[in-house]
Amino acid sequence: MRSPLELVGARPGPAFTVTFDDREITVLPGQTIAAALWAAGITSWRTTRGSGEPRGVFCGIGVCFDCLVTVNGRANQRACLVRAEAGNVIRTQEGTGHRGHHG
């Protein structure tokens, strides 16, 4: 039986790494940040403004804002839409992602 990668002729490039909250994560080329985090077993990477409830992917297509992360110092990046790039520094986003502005 042939694997799905063989059937479509996919030949992904070499894996690379990003960091998430100072933890090194291995990423495959073309993966979004959300996909890379899920593959690493991480399902929550944002907390809500008021109550601090954990959030991750909800819609997965960029309509909602549950999957927000901070990437390379830029807050409010939708993890389901942003393609991971080698060396990205990804951080859990708390509230609005702006220091001193949690409400």
PDB file of N, CA and C in Angstrom:
ATOM      1  N   MET A   1       0.836  -1.179   0.000  1.00  0.00           N
ATOM      2  CA  MET A   1       0.000   0.000   0.000  1.00  0.00           C
ATOM      3  C   MET A   1       0.883   1.246   0.000  1.00  0.00           C
ATOM      4  N   ARG A   2       0.559   2.190  -0.861  1.00  0.00           N
ATOM      5  CA  ARG A   2       1.361   3.409  -0.984  1.00  0.00           C
ATOM      6  C   ARG A   2       0.868   4.469   0.007  1.00  0.00           C
ATOM      7  N   SER A   3       1.807   5.269   0.483  1.00  0.00           N
ATOM      8  CA  SER A   3       1.443   6.332   1.424  1.00  0.00           C
ATOM      9  C   SER A   3       0.804   7.497   0.670  1.00  0.00           C
ATOM     10  N   PRO A   4       0.040   8.348   1.372  1.00  0.00           N
ATOM     11  CA  PRO A   4      -0.559   9.520   0.722  1.00  0.00           C
ATOM     12  C   PRO A   4       0.494  10.414   0.058  1.00  0.00           C
ATOM     13  N   LEU A   5       1.674  10.543   0.672  1.00  0.00           N
ATOM     14  CA  LEU A   5       2.717  11.375   0.072  1.00  0.00           C
ATOM     15  C   LEU A   5       3.173  10.805  -1.267  1.00  0.00           C
ATOM     16  N   GLU A   6       3.255   9.489  -1.352  1.00  0.00           N
ATOM     17  CA  GLU A   6       3.640   8.858  -2.613  1.00  0.00           C
ATOM     18  C   GLU A   6       2.566   9.051  -3.674  1.00  0.00           C
ATOM     19  N   LEU A   7       1.308   8.949  -3.268  1.00  0.00           N
ATOM     20  CA  LEU A   7       0.203   9.063  -4.215  1.00  0.00           C
ATOM     21  C   LEU A   7       0.123  10.450  -4.851  1.00  0.00           C
ATOM     22  N   VAL A   8       0.415  11.489  -4.098  1.00  0.00           N
ATOM     23  CA  VAL A   8       0.326  12.841  -4.648  1.00  0.00           C
ATOM     24  C   VAL A   8       1.671  13.337  -5.167  1.00  0.00           C
ATOM     25  N   GLY A   9       2.701  12.555  -4.978  1.00  0.00           N
ATOM     26  CA  GLY A   9       4.015  12.959  -5.454  1.00  0.00           C
ATOM     27  C   GLY A   9       4.647  14.064  -4.618  1.00  0.00           C
ATOM     28  N   ALA A  10       4.172  14.241  -3.409  1.00  0.00           N
ATOM     29  CA  ALA A  10       4.702  15.309  -2.547  1.00  0.00           C
ATOM     30  C   ALA A  10       6.109  14.961  -2.083  1.00  0.00           C
ATOM     31  N   ARG A  11       6.955  15.941  -2.142  1.00  0.00           N
ATOM     32  CA  ARG A  11       8.328  15.792  -1.669  1.00  0.00           C
ATOM     33  C   ARG A  11       8.647  16.991  -0.781  1.00  0.00           C
ATOM     34  N   PRO A  12       8.193  16.933   0.488  1.00  0.00           N
ATOM     35  CA  PRO A  12       8.439  18.090   1.348  1.00  0.00           C
ATOM     36  C   PRO A  12       9.931  18.321   1.545  1.00  0.00           C
ATOM     37  N   GLY A  13      10.277  19.584   1.689  1.00  0.00           N
ATOM     38  CA  GLY A  13      11.669  19.931   1.955  1.00  0.00           C
ATOM     39  C   GLY A  13      12.041  19.523   3.368  1.00  0.00           C
ATOM     40  N   PRO A  14      13.259  19.830   3.771  1.00  0.00           N
ATOM     41  CA  PRO A  14      13.703  19.436   5.104  1.00  0.00           C
ATOM     42  C   PRO A  14      12.967  20.206   6.200  1.00  0.00           C
ATOM     43  N   ALA A  15      12.787  19.539   7.319  1.00  0.00           N
ATOM     44  CA  ALA A  15      12.165  20.164   8.484  1.00  0.00           C
ATOM     45  C   ALA A  15      13.086  21.271   9.004  1.00  0.00           C
ATOM     46  N   PHE A  16      12.491  22.199   9.740  1.00  0.00           N
ATOM     47  CA  PHE A  16      13.253  23.279  10.372  1.00  0.00           C
ATOM     48  C   PHE A  16      12.666  23.513  11.756  1.00  0.00           C
ATOM     49  N   THR A  17      13.247  24.444  12.500  1.00  0.00           N
ATOM     50  CA  THR A  17      12.756  24.674  13.850  1.00  0.00           C
ATOM     51  C   THR A  17      12.297  26.113  14.058  1.00  0.00           C
ATOM     52  N   VAL A  18      11.353  26.248  14.984  1.00  0.00           N
ATOM     53  CA  VAL A  18      10.887  27.532  15.497  1.00  0.00           C
ATOM     54  C   VAL A  18      10.902  27.373  17.011  1.00  0.00           C
ATOM     55  N   THR A  19      10.718  28.465  17.729  1.00  0.00           N
ATOM     56  CA  THR A  19      10.564  28.330  19.171  1.00  0.00           C
ATOM     57  C   THR A  19       9.180  28.803  19.577  1.00  0.00           C
ATOM     58  N   PHE A  20       8.611  28.095  20.530  1.00  0.00           N
ATOM     59  CA  PHE A  20       7.329  28.467  21.110  1.00  0.00           C
ATOM     60  C   PHE A  20       7.528  28.549  22.617  1.00  0.00           C
ATOM     61  N   ASP A  21       7.399  29.748  23.150  1.00  0.00           N
ATOM     62  CA  ASP A  21       7.628  29.967  24.587  1.00  0.00           C
ATOM     63  C   ASP A  21       8.935  29.310  25.030  1.00  0.00           C
ATOM     64  N   ASP A  22       9.982  29.556  24.263  1.00  0.00           N
ATOM     65  CA  ASP A  22      11.351  29.076  24.532  1.00  0.00           C
ATOM     66  C   ASP A  22      11.535  27.567  24.348  1.00  0.00           C
ATOM     67  N   ARG A  23      10.549  26.888  23.793  1.00  0.00           N
ATOM     68  CA  ARG A  23      10.642  25.452  23.496  1.00  0.00           C
ATOM     69  C   ARG A  23      10.843  25.293  22.002  1.00  0.00           C
ATOM     70  N   GLU A  24      11.826  24.493  21.598  1.00  0.00           N
ATOM     71  CA  GLU A  24      12.082  24.278  20.180  1.00  0.00           C
ATOM     72  C   GLU A  24      11.055  23.302  19.606  1.00  0.00           C
ATOM     73  N   ILE A  25      10.473  23.687  18.462  1.00  0.00           N
ATOM     74  CA  ILE A  25       9.451  22.884  17.784  1.00  0.00           C
ATOM     75  C   ILE A  25       9.944  22.586  16.368  1.00  0.00           C
ATOM     76  N   THR A  26       9.780  21.351  15.928  1.00  0.00           N
ATOM     77  CA  THR A  26      10.133  20.969  14.562  1.00  0.00           C
ATOM     78  C   THR A  26       8.930  21.207  13.662  1.00  0.00           C
ATOM     79  N   VAL A  27       9.188  21.827  12.513  1.00  0.00           N
ATOM     80  CA  VAL A  27       8.132  22.215  11.579  1.00  0.00           C
ATOM     81  C   VAL A  27       8.457  21.665  10.189  1.00  0.00           C
ATOM     82  N   LEU A  28       7.422  21.248   9.479  1.00  0.00           N
ATOM     83  CA  LEU A  28       7.591  20.843   8.085  1.00  0.00           C
ATOM     84  C   LEU A  28       7.280  22.030   7.180  1.00  0.00           C
ATOM     85  N   PRO A  29       7.967  22.140   6.066  1.00  0.00           N
ATOM     86  CA  PRO A  29       7.698  23.242   5.144  1.00  0.00           C
ATOM     87  C   PRO A  29       6.226  23.300   4.760  1.00  0.00           C
ATOM     88  N   GLY A  30       5.674  24.507   4.759  1.00  0.00           N
ATOM     89  CA  GLY A  30       4.293  24.711   4.372  1.00  0.00           C
ATOM     90  C   GLY A  30       3.307  24.681   5.530  1.00  0.00           C
ATOM     91  N   GLN A  31       3.742  24.229   6.707  1.00  0.00           N
ATOM     92  CA  GLN A  31       2.819  24.185   7.829  1.00  0.00           C
ATOM     93  C   GLN A  31       2.520  25.581   8.358  1.00  0.00           C
ATOM     94  N   THR A  32       1.277  25.791   8.750  1.00  0.00           N
ATOM     95  CA  THR A  32       0.947  27.010   9.474  1.00  0.00           C
ATOM     96  C   THR A  32       1.467  26.858  10.896  1.00  0.00           C
ATOM     97  N   ILE A  33       1.512  27.970  11.598  1.00  0.00           N
ATOM     98  CA  ILE A  33       1.929  27.911  13.001  1.00  0.00           C
ATOM     99  C   ILE A  33       0.986  27.013  13.788  1.00  0.00           C
ATOM    100  N   ALA A  34      -0.320  27.120  13.545  1.00  0.00           N
ATOM    101  CA  ALA A  34      -1.284  26.274  14.253  1.00  0.00           C
ATOM    102  C   ALA A  34      -1.008  24.792  14.000  1.00  0.00           C
ATOM    103  N   ALA A  35      -0.769  24.420  12.751  1.00  0.00           N
ATOM    104  CA  ALA A  35      -0.503  23.019  12.421  1.00  0.00           C
ATOM    105  C   ALA A  35       0.772  22.533  13.102  1.00  0.00           C
ATOM    106  N   ALA A  36       1.796  23.368  13.123  1.00  0.00           N
ATOM    107  CA  ALA A  36       3.058  22.994  13.762  1.00  0.00           C
ATOM    108  C   ALA A  36       2.874  22.811  15.267  1.00  0.00           C
ATOM    109  N   LEU A  37       2.106  23.712  15.890  1.00  0.00           N
ATOM    110  CA  LEU A  37       1.868  23.594  17.328  1.00  0.00           C
ATOM    111  C   LEU A  37       1.056  22.348  17.637  1.00  0.00           C
ATOM    112  N   TRP A  38       0.014  22.093  16.857  1.00  0.00           N
ATOM    113  CA  TRP A  38      -0.781  20.882  17.052  1.00  0.00           C
ATOM    114  C   TRP A  38       0.073  19.633  16.902  1.00  0.00           C
ATOM    115  N   ALA A  39       0.928  19.607  15.876  1.00  0.00           N
ATOM    116  CA  ALA A  39       1.788  18.446  15.642  1.00  0.00           C
ATOM    117  C   ALA A  39       2.733  18.211  16.820  1.00  0.00           C
ATOM    118  N   ALA A  40       3.062  19.289  17.541  1.00  0.00           N
ATOM    119  CA  ALA A  40       3.939  19.183  18.709  1.00  0.00           C
ATOM    120  C   ALA A  40       3.143  18.895  19.989  1.00  0.00           C
ATOM    121  N   GLY A  41       1.822  18.700  19.853  1.00  0.00           N
ATOM    122  CA  GLY A  41       0.999  18.390  21.007  1.00  0.00           C
ATOM    123  C   GLY A  41       0.533  19.599  21.798  1.00  0.00           C
ATOM    124  N   ILE A  42       0.684  20.791  21.222  1.00  0.00           N
ATOM    125  CA  ILE A  42       0.282  22.028  21.893  1.00  0.00           C
ATOM    126  C   ILE A  42      -1.060  22.453  21.317  1.00  0.00           C
ATOM    127  N   THR A  43      -2.078  22.534  22.159  1.00  0.00           N
ATOM    128  CA  THR A  43      -3.421  22.847  21.667  1.00  0.00           C
ATOM    129  C   THR A  43      -3.951  24.189  22.156  1.00  0.00           C
ATOM    130  N   SER A  44      -3.215  24.861  23.015  1.00  0.00           N
ATOM    131  CA  SER A  44      -3.639  26.165  23.526  1.00  0.00           C
ATOM    132  C   SER A  44      -2.446  27.103  23.540  1.00  0.00           C
ATOM    133  N   TRP A  45      -2.648  28.321  23.007  1.00  0.00           N
ATOM    134  CA  TRP A  45      -1.542  29.284  22.964  1.00  0.00           C
ATOM    135  C   TRP A  45      -2.010  30.728  23.085  1.00  0.00           C
ATOM    136  N   ARG A  46      -3.175  30.916  23.643  1.00  0.00           N
ATOM    137  CA  ARG A  46      -3.669  32.267  23.907  1.00  0.00           C
ATOM    138  C   ARG A  46      -4.546  32.200  25.140  1.00  0.00           C
ATOM    139  N   THR A  47      -4.599  33.310  25.895  1.00  0.00           N
ATOM    140  CA  THR A  47      -5.546  33.399  27.000  1.00  0.00           C
ATOM    141  C   THR A  47      -6.473  34.571  26.737  1.00  0.00           C
ATOM    142  N   THR A  48      -7.718  34.418  27.173  1.00  0.00           N
ATOM    143  CA  THR A  48      -8.709  35.469  26.946  1.00  0.00           C
ATOM    144  C   THR A  48      -8.424  36.680  27.834  1.00  0.00           C
ATOM    145  N   ARG A  49      -8.972  37.819  27.410  1.00  0.00           N
ATOM    146  CA  ARG A  49      -8.719  39.078  28.107  1.00  0.00           C
ATOM    147  C   ARG A  49      -9.155  39.057  29.559  1.00  0.00           C
ATOM    148  N   GLY A  50     -10.408  38.881  29.841  1.00  0.00           N
ATOM    149  CA  GLY A  50     -10.900  39.013  31.207  1.00  0.00           C
ATOM    150  C   GLY A  50     -10.535  37.863  32.130  1.00  0.00           C
ATOM    151  N   SER A  51     -10.931  36.669  31.740  1.00  0.00           N
ATOM    152  CA  SER A  51     -10.818  35.525  32.647  1.00  0.00           C
ATOM    153  C   SER A  51      -9.539  34.708  32.479  1.00  0.00           C
ATOM    154  N   GLY A  52      -8.775  34.949  31.426  1.00  0.00           N
ATOM    155  CA  GLY A  52      -7.540  34.198  31.216  1.00  0.00           C
ATOM    156  C   GLY A  52      -7.755  32.764  30.782  1.00  0.00           C
ATOM    157  N   GLU A  53      -8.896  32.474  30.162  1.00  0.00           N
ATOM    158  CA  GLU A  53      -9.193  31.119  29.692  1.00  0.00           C
ATOM    159  C   GLU A  53      -8.295  30.755  28.509  1.00  0.00           C
ATOM    160  N   PRO A  54      -7.834  29.501  28.435  1.00  0.00           N
ATOM    161  CA  PRO A  54      -6.969  29.091  27.324  1.00  0.00           C
ATOM    162  C   PRO A  54      -7.742  28.976  26.012  1.00  0.00           C
ATOM    163  N   ARG A  55      -7.088  29.312  24.923  1.00  0.00           N
ATOM    164  CA  ARG A  55      -7.671  29.203  23.590  1.00  0.00           C
ATOM    165  C   ARG A  55      -6.616  28.676  22.619  1.00  0.00           C
ATOM    166  N   GLY A  56      -7.094  28.094  21.522  1.00  0.00           N
ATOM    167  CA  GLY A  56      -6.246  27.608  20.436  1.00  0.00           C
ATOM    168  C   GLY A  56      -7.018  27.765  19.149  1.00  0.00           C
ATOM    169  N   VAL A  57      -7.012  26.736  18.295  1.00  0.00           N
ATOM    170  CA  VAL A  57      -7.750  26.808  17.041  1.00  0.00           C
ATOM    171  C   VAL A  57      -9.227  26.539  17.303  1.00  0.00           C
ATOM    172  N   PHE A  58     -10.083  27.377  16.745  1.00  0.00           N
ATOM    173  CA  PHE A  58     -11.527  27.149  16.808  1.00  0.00           C
ATOM    174  C   PHE A  58     -12.056  26.904  15.399  1.00  0.00           C
ATOM    175  N   CYS A  59     -11.949  27.917  14.532  1.00  0.00           N
ATOM    176  CA  CYS A  59     -12.486  27.754  13.173  1.00  0.00           C
ATOM    177  C   CYS A  59     -11.449  27.178  12.208  1.00  0.00           C
ATOM    178  N   GLY A  60     -10.195  27.547  12.384  1.00  0.00           N
ATOM    179  CA  GLY A  60      -9.134  27.031  11.529  1.00  0.00           C
ATOM    180  C   GLY A  60      -9.054  27.653  10.152  1.00  0.00           C
ATOM    181  N   ILE A  61      -9.884  28.685   9.873  1.00  0.00           N
ATOM    182  CA  ILE A  61      -9.879  29.298   8.541  1.00  0.00           C
ATOM    183  C   ILE A  61      -9.748  30.817   8.589  1.00  0.00           C
ATOM    184  N   GLY A  62      -9.371  31.368   9.743  1.00  0.00           N
ATOM    185  CA  GLY A  62      -9.119  32.802   9.826  1.00  0.00           C
ATOM    186  C   GLY A  62     -10.323  33.686  10.058  1.00  0.00           C
ATOM    187  N   VAL A  63     -11.472  33.098  10.398  1.00  0.00           N
ATOM    188  CA  VAL A  63     -12.673  33.887  10.629  1.00  0.00           C
ATOM    189  C   VAL A  63     -12.736  34.379  12.077  1.00  0.00           C
ATOM    190  N   CYS A  64     -12.402  33.523  13.015  1.00  0.00           N
ATOM    191  CA  CYS A  64     -12.448  33.908  14.424  1.00  0.00           C
ATOM    192  C   CYS A  64     -11.069  34.405  14.860  1.00  0.00           C
ATOM    193  N   PHE A  65     -10.921  34.656  16.131  1.00  0.00           N
ATOM    194  CA  PHE A  65      -9.637  35.162  16.626  1.00  0.00           C
ATOM    195  C   PHE A  65      -9.148  34.344  17.813  1.00  0.00           C
ATOM    196  N   ASP A  66      -9.578  33.092  17.914  1.00  0.00           N
ATOM    197  CA  ASP A  66      -9.162  32.272  19.044  1.00  0.00           C
ATOM    198  C   ASP A  66      -7.702  31.834  18.967  1.00  0.00           C
ATOM    199  N   CYS A  67      -7.114  31.791  17.796  1.00  0.00           N
ATOM    200  CA  CYS A  67      -5.768  31.230  17.648  1.00  0.00           C
ATOM    201  C   CYS A  67      -4.651  32.280  17.633  1.00  0.00           C
ATOM    202  N   LEU A  68      -4.919  33.457  18.167  1.00  0.00           N
ATOM    203  CA  LEU A  68      -3.919  34.521  18.125  1.00  0.00           C
ATOM    204  C   LEU A  68      -2.649  34.155  18.890  1.00  0.00           C
ATOM    205  N   VAL A  69      -1.511  34.493  18.290  1.00  0.00           N
ATOM    206  CA  VAL A  69      -0.199  34.328  18.913  1.00  0.00           C
ATOM    207  C   VAL A  69       0.621  35.579  18.635  1.00  0.00           C
ATOM    208  N   THR A  70       1.727  35.685  19.338  1.00  0.00           N
ATOM    209  CA  THR A  70       2.694  36.737  19.061  1.00  0.00           C
ATOM    210  C   THR A  70       3.850  36.084  18.307  1.00  0.00           C
ATOM    211  N   VAL A  71       4.170  36.596  17.123  1.00  0.00           N
ATOM    212  CA  VAL A  71       5.215  36.033  16.275  1.00  0.00           C
ATOM    213  C   VAL A  71       6.273  37.103  16.034  1.00  0.00           C
ATOM    214  N   ASN A  72       7.491  36.799  16.433  1.00  0.00           N
ATOM    215  CA  ASN A  72       8.616  37.731  16.252  1.00  0.00           C
ATOM    216  C   ASN A  72       8.273  39.126  16.787  1.00  0.00           C
ATOM    217  N   GLY A  73       7.593  39.149  17.948  1.00  0.00           N
ATOM    218  CA  GLY A  73       7.253  40.409  18.601  1.00  0.00           C
ATOM    219  C   GLY A  73       5.982  41.071  18.095  1.00  0.00           C
ATOM    220  N   ARG A  74       5.352  40.527  17.066  1.00  0.00           N
ATOM    221  CA  ARG A  74       4.108  41.092  16.509  1.00  0.00           C
ATOM    222  C   ARG A  74       2.910  40.356  17.091  1.00  0.00           C
ATOM    223  N   ALA A  75       2.097  41.077  17.875  1.00  0.00           N
ATOM    224  CA  ALA A  75       0.927  40.483  18.510  1.00  0.00           C
ATOM    225  C   ALA A  75      -0.190  40.286  17.494  1.00  0.00           C
ATOM    226  N   ASN A  76      -1.171  39.499  17.900  1.00  0.00           N
ATOM    227  CA  ASN A  76      -2.423  39.307  17.149  1.00  0.00           C
ATOM    228  C   ASN A  76      -2.257  38.667  15.777  1.00  0.00           C
ATOM    229  N   GLN A  77      -1.357  37.711  15.681  1.00  0.00           N
ATOM    230  CA  GLN A  77      -1.176  36.961  14.441  1.00  0.00           C
ATOM    231  C   GLN A  77      -2.025  35.695  14.513  1.00  0.00           C
ATOM    232  N   ARG A  78      -2.839  35.438  13.502  1.00  0.00           N
ATOM    233  CA  ARG A  78      -3.689  34.246  13.492  1.00  0.00           C
ATOM    234  C   ARG A  78      -2.848  33.030  13.106  1.00  0.00           C
ATOM    235  N   ALA A  79      -2.661  32.148  14.068  1.00  0.00           N
ATOM    236  CA  ALA A  79      -1.807  30.971  13.879  1.00  0.00           C
ATOM    237  C   ALA A  79      -2.295  30.059  12.773  1.00  0.00           C
ATOM    238  N   CYS A  80      -3.601  30.083  12.489  1.00  0.00           N
ATOM    239  CA  CYS A  80      -4.134  29.209  11.440  1.00  0.00           C
ATOM    240  C   CYS A  80      -3.841  29.743  10.042  1.00  0.00           C
ATOM    241  N   LEU A  81      -3.447  31.009   9.933  1.00  0.00           N
ATOM    242  CA  LEU A  81      -3.182  31.613   8.622  1.00  0.00           C
ATOM    243  C   LEU A  81      -1.705  31.881   8.353  1.00  0.00           C
ATOM    244  N   VAL A  82      -0.919  32.061   9.405  1.00  0.00           N
ATOM    245  CA  VAL A  82       0.487  32.433   9.242  1.00  0.00           C
ATOM    246  C   VAL A  82       1.331  31.187   9.041  1.00  0.00           C
ATOM    247  N   ARG A  83       2.029  31.140   7.932  1.00  0.00           N
ATOM    248  CA  ARG A  83       2.909  30.018   7.647  1.00  0.00           C
ATOM    249  C   ARG A  83       4.161  30.130   8.513  1.00  0.00           C
ATOM    250  N   ALA A  84       4.531  29.042   9.148  1.00  0.00           N
ATOM    251  CA  ALA A  84       5.735  29.025   9.977  1.00  0.00           C
ATOM    252  C   ALA A  84       6.974  29.187   9.105  1.00  0.00           C
ATOM    253  N   GLU A  85       7.925  29.944   9.603  1.00  0.00           N
ATOM    254  CA  GLU A  85       9.194  30.136   8.905  1.00  0.00           C
ATOM    255  C   GLU A  85      10.335  29.822   9.856  1.00  0.00           C
ATOM    256  N   ALA A  86      11.422  29.298   9.315  1.00  0.00           N
ATOM    257  CA  ALA A  86      12.575  28.924  10.135  1.00  0.00           C
ATOM    258  C   ALA A  86      12.984  30.082  11.034  1.00  0.00           C
ATOM    259  N   GLY A  87      13.183  29.764  12.296  1.00  0.00           N
ATOM    260  CA  GLY A  87      13.647  30.763  13.247  1.00  0.00           C
ATOM    261  C   GLY A  87      12.571  31.607  13.889  1.00  0.00           C
ATOM    262  N   ASN A  88      11.296  31.427  13.494  1.00  0.00           N
ATOM    263  CA  ASN A  88      10.224  32.195  14.141  1.00  0.00           C
ATOM    264  C   ASN A  88      10.296  32.048  15.653  1.00  0.00           C
ATOM    265  N   VAL A  89      10.045  33.158  16.341  1.00  0.00           N
ATOM    266  CA  VAL A  89       9.920  33.151  17.791  1.00  0.00           C
ATOM    267  C   VAL A  89       8.440  33.398  18.086  1.00  0.00           C
ATOM    268  N   ILE A  90       7.784  32.358  18.552  1.00  0.00           N
ATOM    269  CA  ILE A  90       6.341  32.386  18.774  1.00  0.00           C
ATOM    270  C   ILE A  90       6.100  32.362  20.276  1.00  0.00           C
ATOM    271  N   ARG A  91       5.181  33.210  20.715  1.00  0.00           N
ATOM    272  CA  ARG A  91       4.875  33.293  22.145  1.00  0.00           C
ATOM    273  C   ARG A  91       3.365  33.209  22.369  1.00  0.00           C
ATOM    274  N   THR A  92       3.010  32.615  23.509  1.00  0.00           N
ATOM    275  CA  THR A  92       1.625  32.629  23.953  1.00  0.00           C
ATOM    276  C   THR A  92       1.183  34.070  24.067  1.00  0.00           C
ATOM    277  N   GLN A  93       0.003  34.351  23.592  1.00  0.00           N
ATOM    278  CA  GLN A  93      -0.526  35.715  23.680  1.00  0.00           C
ATOM    279  C   GLN A  93      -1.491  35.806  24.852  1.00  0.00           C
ATOM    280  N   GLU A  94      -1.240  36.768  25.727  1.00  0.00           N
ATOM    281  CA  GLU A  94      -2.115  36.997  26.871  1.00  0.00           C
ATOM    282  C   GLU A  94      -2.960  38.225  26.595  1.00  0.00           C
ATOM    283  N   GLY A  95      -4.283  38.057  26.690  1.00  0.00           N
ATOM    284  CA  GLY A  95      -5.197  39.174  26.457  1.00  0.00           C
ATOM    285  C   GLY A  95      -5.026  39.749  25.064  1.00  0.00           C
ATOM    286  N   THR A  96      -4.814  41.064  24.985  1.00  0.00           N
ATOM    287  CA  THR A  96      -4.696  41.739  23.695  1.00  0.00           C
ATOM    288  C   THR A  96      -3.310  41.593  23.077  1.00  0.00           C
ATOM    289  N   GLY A  97      -2.350  41.096  23.854  1.00  0.00           N
ATOM    290  CA  GLY A  97      -0.991  40.944  23.353  1.00  0.00           C
ATOM    291  C   GLY A  97      -0.154  42.196  23.496  1.00  0.00           C
ATOM    292  N   HIS A  98      -0.736  43.231  24.059  1.00  0.00           N
ATOM    293  CA  HIS A  98      -0.006  44.480  24.260  1.00  0.00           C
ATOM    294  C   HIS A  98       0.218  44.676  25.749  1.00  0.00           C
ATOM    295  N   ARG A  99       1.451  44.845  26.143  1.00  0.00           N
ATOM    296  CA  ARG A  99       1.776  44.994  27.558  1.00  0.00           C
ATOM    297  C   ARG A  99       0.975  46.114  28.193  1.00  0.00           C
ATOM    298  N   GLY A 100       0.410  45.808  29.349  1.00  0.00           N
ATOM    299  CA  GLY A 100      -0.342  46.824  30.087  1.00  0.00           C
ATOM    300  C   GLY A 100      -1.761  47.042  29.582  1.00  0.00           C
ATOM    301  N   HIS A 101      -2.156  46.318  28.537  1.00  0.00           N
ATOM    302  CA  HIS A 101      -3.499  46.479  27.977  1.00  0.00           C
ATOM    303  C   HIS A 101      -4.179  45.121  27.901  1.00  0.00           C
ATOM    304  N   HIS A 102      -4.636  44.621  29.025  1.00  0.00           N
ATOM    305  CA  HIS A 102      -5.249  43.291  29.062  1.00  0.00           C
ATOM    306  C   HIS A 102      -6.759  43.341  28.931  1.00  0.00           C
ATOM    307  N   GLY A 103      -7.369  44.514  28.902  1.00  0.00           N
ATOM    308  CA  GLY A 103      -8.829  44.575  28.852  1.00  0.00           C
ATOM    309  C   GLY A 103      -9.275  44.968  27.553  1.00  0.00           C
TER     310      GLY A 103
END
